[in-house]
Amino acid sequence: MDIPAVSVSMSQGKLMNDVGIGVLKMATDQMTQQSQQLTQMMAQSVQPHLGSTIDLRV
């Protein structure tokens, strides 16, 4: 068994895992920020009553 090759392979696997986790964390943080901005934007709506009901005729 080639121990240096196994060590390099394991190190690369750990690095790929760490990078993947970092990217997911960045995406999660960005989505959290966007949802907070959307919530603030909706709370500051000029006409909050619009869109609360739908008129239907059959």
N, C-alpha and C. Protein backbone atom coordinates (compact mmCIF):
# COMPACT_ATOMS: atom_id res chain seq x y z
N MET A 1 0.85 -1.18 0.00
CA MET A 1 0.00 0.00 0.00
C MET A 1 0.89 1.24 0.00
N ASP A 2 0.57 2.19 -0.85
CA ASP A 2 1.36 3.41 -0.98
C ASP A 2 0.84 4.45 0.01
N ILE A 3 1.49 4.57 1.15
CA ILE A 3 1.00 5.45 2.22
C ILE A 3 1.02 6.92 1.81
N PRO A 4 2.05 7.42 1.16
CA PRO A 4 2.00 8.84 0.75
C PRO A 4 0.84 9.14 -0.19
N ALA A 5 0.55 8.24 -1.11
CA ALA A 5 -0.56 8.47 -2.05
C ALA A 5 -1.89 8.47 -1.31
N VAL A 6 -2.05 7.55 -0.34
CA VAL A 6 -3.27 7.51 0.46
C VAL A 6 -3.42 8.79 1.27
N SER A 7 -2.31 9.26 1.82
CA SER A 7 -2.33 10.49 2.61
C SER A 7 -2.74 11.69 1.75
N VAL A 8 -2.18 11.79 0.56
CA VAL A 8 -2.53 12.89 -0.35
C VAL A 8 -4.00 12.80 -0.75
N SER A 9 -4.45 11.59 -1.04
CA SER A 9 -5.85 11.39 -1.43
C SER A 9 -6.79 11.80 -0.30
N MET A 10 -6.45 11.39 0.92
CA MET A 10 -7.30 11.75 2.06
C MET A 10 -7.29 13.25 2.29
N SER A 11 -6.12 13.88 2.12
CA SER A 11 -6.01 15.32 2.29
C SER A 11 -6.85 16.06 1.25
N GLN A 12 -6.80 15.59 0.01
CA GLN A 12 -7.60 16.21 -1.05
C GLN A 12 -9.09 16.02 -0.79
N GLY A 13 -9.45 14.84 -0.30
CA GLY A 13 -10.86 14.60 0.03
C GLY A 13 -11.34 15.52 1.13
N LYS A 14 -10.51 15.73 2.15
CA LYS A 14 -10.87 16.63 3.25
C LYS A 14 -11.00 18.06 2.73
N LEU A 15 -10.07 18.47 1.86
CA LEU A 15 -10.11 19.81 1.30
C LEU A 15 -11.38 20.02 0.49
N MET A 16 -11.74 19.04 -0.34
CA MET A 16 -12.96 19.14 -1.14
C MET A 16 -14.19 19.24 -0.25
N ASN A 17 -14.19 18.47 0.82
CA ASN A 17 -15.30 18.51 1.76
C ASN A 17 -15.39 19.88 2.44
N ASP A 18 -14.24 20.41 2.88
CA ASP A 18 -14.22 21.71 3.53
C ASP A 18 -14.67 22.82 2.59
N VAL A 19 -14.24 22.76 1.34
CA VAL A 19 -14.65 23.76 0.35
C VAL A 19 -16.15 23.67 0.10
N GLY A 20 -16.66 22.45 -0.03
CA GLY A 20 -18.10 22.27 -0.24
C GLY A 20 -18.92 22.84 0.91
N ILE A 21 -18.46 22.59 2.13
CA ILE A 21 -19.16 23.12 3.30
C ILE A 21 -19.09 24.65 3.31
N GLY A 22 -17.94 25.20 2.95
CA GLY A 22 -17.80 26.66 2.89
C GLY A 22 -18.74 27.29 1.88
N VAL A 23 -18.85 26.66 0.71
CA VAL A 23 -19.75 27.18 -0.33
C VAL A 23 -21.20 27.10 0.13
N LEU A 24 -21.58 25.99 0.77
CA LEU A 24 -22.94 25.87 1.28
C LEU A 24 -23.23 26.92 2.35
N LYS A 25 -22.25 27.19 3.22
CA LYS A 25 -22.44 28.20 4.25
C LYS A 25 -22.62 29.58 3.63
N MET A 26 -21.83 29.89 2.60
CA MET A 26 -21.98 31.18 1.92
C MET A 26 -23.35 31.29 1.27
N ALA A 27 -23.82 30.22 0.64
CA ALA A 27 -25.13 30.24 -0.01
C ALA A 27 -26.23 30.41 1.03
N THR A 28 -26.09 29.71 2.15
CA THR A 28 -27.09 29.83 3.23
C THR A 28 -27.12 31.24 3.78
N ASP A 29 -25.96 31.83 4.00
CA ASP A 29 -25.89 33.20 4.51
C ASP A 29 -26.53 34.18 3.53
N GLN A 30 -26.26 33.98 2.24
CA GLN A 30 -26.82 34.87 1.22
C GLN A 30 -28.34 34.73 1.16
N MET A 31 -28.85 33.52 1.23
CA MET A 31 -30.30 33.32 1.20
C MET A 31 -30.96 33.91 2.45
N THR A 32 -30.31 33.79 3.59
CA THR A 32 -30.83 34.38 4.82
C THR A 32 -30.91 35.90 4.68
N GLN A 33 -29.85 36.49 4.14
CA GLN A 33 -29.83 37.94 3.95
C GLN A 33 -30.92 38.38 2.97
N GLN A 34 -31.08 37.64 1.88
CA GLN A 34 -32.10 38.00 0.90
C GLN A 34 -33.50 37.87 1.48
N SER A 35 -33.74 36.85 2.28
CA SER A 35 -35.07 36.69 2.88
C SER A 35 -35.34 37.80 3.89
N GLN A 36 -34.31 38.23 4.62
CA GLN A 36 -34.50 39.34 5.55
C GLN A 36 -34.80 40.63 4.79
N GLN A 37 -34.11 40.85 3.68
CA GLN A 37 -34.37 42.04 2.87
C GLN A 37 -35.78 42.01 2.28
N LEU A 38 -36.20 40.85 1.83
CA LEU A 38 -37.56 40.72 1.29
C LEU A 38 -38.60 40.99 2.36
N THR A 39 -38.37 40.48 3.56
CA THR A 39 -39.29 40.71 4.67
C THR A 39 -39.37 42.19 5.00
N GLN A 40 -38.22 42.86 5.04
CA GLN A 40 -38.21 44.30 5.31
C GLN A 40 -38.93 45.07 4.21
N MET A 41 -38.70 44.68 2.97
CA MET A 41 -39.33 45.35 1.84
C MET A 41 -40.85 45.19 1.90
N MET A 42 -41.30 44.01 2.24
CA MET A 42 -42.74 43.78 2.34
C MET A 42 -43.34 44.55 3.50
N ALA A 43 -42.60 44.68 4.60
CA ALA A 43 -43.10 45.42 5.77
C ALA A 43 -43.20 46.91 5.47
N GLN A 44 -42.37 47.41 4.57
CA GLN A 44 -42.38 48.83 4.23
C GLN A 44 -43.26 49.13 3.01
N SER A 45 -44.09 48.19 2.66
CA SER A 45 -44.94 48.36 1.49
C SER A 45 -45.82 49.59 1.66
N VAL A 46 -46.00 50.33 0.58
CA VAL A 46 -46.80 51.55 0.61
C VAL A 46 -48.27 51.21 0.79
N GLN A 47 -48.73 50.13 0.16
CA GLN A 47 -50.13 49.74 0.23
C GLN A 47 -50.21 48.27 0.67
N PRO A 48 -50.10 48.03 1.97
CA PRO A 48 -50.06 46.64 2.44
C PRO A 48 -51.37 45.88 2.24
N HIS A 49 -52.49 46.58 2.02
CA HIS A 49 -53.76 45.90 1.83
C HIS A 49 -53.90 45.28 0.45
N LEU A 50 -53.09 45.73 -0.53
CA LEU A 50 -53.18 45.18 -1.87
C LEU A 50 -52.67 43.74 -1.89
N GLY A 51 -53.40 42.90 -2.58
CA GLY A 51 -53.00 41.51 -2.72
C GLY A 51 -53.50 40.61 -1.61
N SER A 52 -54.23 41.17 -0.65
CA SER A 52 -54.70 40.34 0.45
C SER A 52 -55.99 39.60 0.11
N THR A 53 -56.70 40.05 -0.94
CA THR A 53 -57.92 39.37 -1.37
C THR A 53 -57.92 39.22 -2.89
N ILE A 54 -58.70 38.26 -3.34
CA ILE A 54 -58.83 38.02 -4.78
C ILE A 54 -60.32 38.05 -5.11
N ASP A 55 -60.69 38.87 -6.12
CA ASP A 55 -62.07 38.94 -6.58
C ASP A 55 -62.28 37.87 -7.66
N LEU A 56 -63.25 36.99 -7.46
CA LEU A 56 -63.53 35.96 -8.42
C LEU A 56 -64.99 36.03 -8.85
N ARG A 57 -65.23 35.80 -10.13
CA ARG A 57 -66.60 35.72 -10.62
C ARG A 57 -66.71 34.43 -11.41
N VAL A 58 -67.78 33.71 -11.14
CA VAL A 58 -67.98 32.42 -11.82
C VAL A 58 -69.21 32.52 -12.69
